[in-house]
Protein backbone atom coordinates (compact mmCIF):
# COMPACT_ATOMS: atom_id res chain seq x y z
CA ILE A 1 148.65 119.00 168.30
CA CYS A 2 145.86 121.21 166.86
CA ALA A 3 143.86 120.81 169.99
CA VAL A 4 146.72 121.35 172.00
CA LEU A 5 147.48 124.42 170.17
CA SER A 6 143.56 125.33 169.92
CA SER A 7 143.41 125.10 173.79
CA LEU A 8 146.21 127.12 174.45
CA LYS A 9 144.47 129.92 172.53
CA ARG A 10 147.24 129.38 169.37
CA HIS A 11 144.71 129.42 167.02
CA ILE A 12 147.19 130.06 163.81
CA GLU A 13 149.28 127.40 164.48
CA ALA A 14 146.35 124.85 165.10
CA ARG A 15 144.86 125.76 162.16
CA LYS A 16 147.72 125.30 160.30
CA PHE A 17 148.44 121.69 161.71
CA ALA A 18 144.74 120.79 160.84
CA GLN A 19 145.28 122.25 157.49
CA GLU A 20 148.39 119.71 157.52
CA ALA A 21 146.65 116.51 158.75
CA VAL A 22 143.38 117.00 156.12
CA ASP A 23 146.31 117.33 153.21
CA HIS A 24 148.13 114.12 154.59
CA VAL A 25 144.85 112.01 155.39
CA LEU A 26 143.37 113.11 151.91
CA GLY A 27 146.79 112.48 149.91
CA THR A 28 146.82 108.99 151.48
CA ILE A 29 143.14 108.35 150.36
CA LYS A 30 143.74 109.34 147.02
CA ASP A 31 147.05 107.08 146.70
CA LEU A 32 144.88 104.04 148.10
CA GLU A 33 142.55 105.14 145.14
CA ASP A 34 145.63 104.21 142.73
CA PRO A 35 146.34 100.77 142.08
CA ASP A 36 150.08 101.50 141.35
CA LEU A 37 150.21 103.18 144.88
CA SER A 38 147.83 101.27 147.03
CA CYS A 39 150.18 98.26 147.67
CA GLN A 40 152.36 100.42 149.85
CA TYR A 41 149.63 100.87 152.61
CA ILE A 42 149.16 97.70 153.81
CA ASN A 43 146.33 97.16 156.49
CA VAL A 44 144.92 100.29 156.37
CA ASP A 45 141.40 100.48 156.04
CA HIS A 46 139.20 103.15 154.37
CA ASP A 47 136.85 103.65 157.23
CA SER A 48 139.72 104.33 159.60
CA LEU A 49 140.96 107.00 157.34
CA TYR A 50 137.73 108.43 156.73
CA ASN A 51 137.60 108.55 160.66
CA THR A 52 140.96 110.32 160.62
CA VAL A 53 139.90 112.64 157.88
CA THR A 54 136.60 113.96 159.73
CA ILE A 55 138.51 114.76 163.18
CA ALA A 56 140.94 116.63 160.63
CA TRP A 57 138.15 118.21 158.85
CA PHE A 58 136.30 119.41 162.11
CA ASN A 59 139.44 120.56 164.02
CA LEU A 60 140.29 122.70 160.96
CA ALA A 61 136.65 123.89 160.87
CA ALA A 62 136.94 124.77 164.50
CA GLU A 63 140.11 126.77 163.99
CA GLN A 64 138.35 128.64 161.16
CA GLU A 65 135.67 129.63 163.28
CA HIS A 66 138.06 130.90 165.77
CA MET A 67 139.69 133.43 163.61
CA ASN A 68 136.14 134.04 162.21
CA ASP A 69 136.40 132.72 158.74
CA LEU A 70 132.92 131.37 158.85
CA HIS A 71 132.61 130.84 155.37
CA ASP A 72 135.74 128.38 155.02
CA ALA A 73 134.51 127.20 158.47
CA LEU A 74 131.00 125.87 156.79
CA ASP A 75 133.06 124.67 154.06
CA SER A 76 134.96 122.54 155.99
CA TYR A 77 132.04 121.13 158.73
CA THR A 78 130.53 120.05 155.56
CA ALA A 79 133.51 118.03 154.47
CA ALA A 80 133.65 116.98 157.99
CA GLN A 81 130.26 115.63 157.58
CA LYS A 82 130.93 114.02 154.08
CA TYR A 83 133.61 111.84 155.30
CA ALA A 84 131.52 111.00 158.67
CA LYS A 85 128.88 109.72 156.31
CA LYS A 86 131.69 107.88 154.66
CA SER A 87 132.81 106.11 157.23
CA ASN A 88 129.19 105.59 159.31
CA ILE A 89 130.01 107.25 162.02
CA ILE A 90 126.68 109.16 161.67
CA THR A 91 123.69 108.38 160.09
CA LEU A 92 121.73 111.32 158.30
CA LYS A 93 118.78 111.15 156.52
């Protein structure tokens, strides 16, 4: 949804959806770390979630950049890189 809205130049809405995606996936990752909640997530692997949250952070950063919120964009790109490393999407030295 974020990518579609962004391509339509609807960056405010795209940013909202990107933030919701980040929040939702981070909430799921947090739940998986809690033994009492993790049983709700059968067959969910961390790499898949890390890949998804990496994309969500990148989308949020791109929208922040479109809106000239460069400090926030840098923070979001940094978060995307952090989760990319965890998911082995990229290997950084």
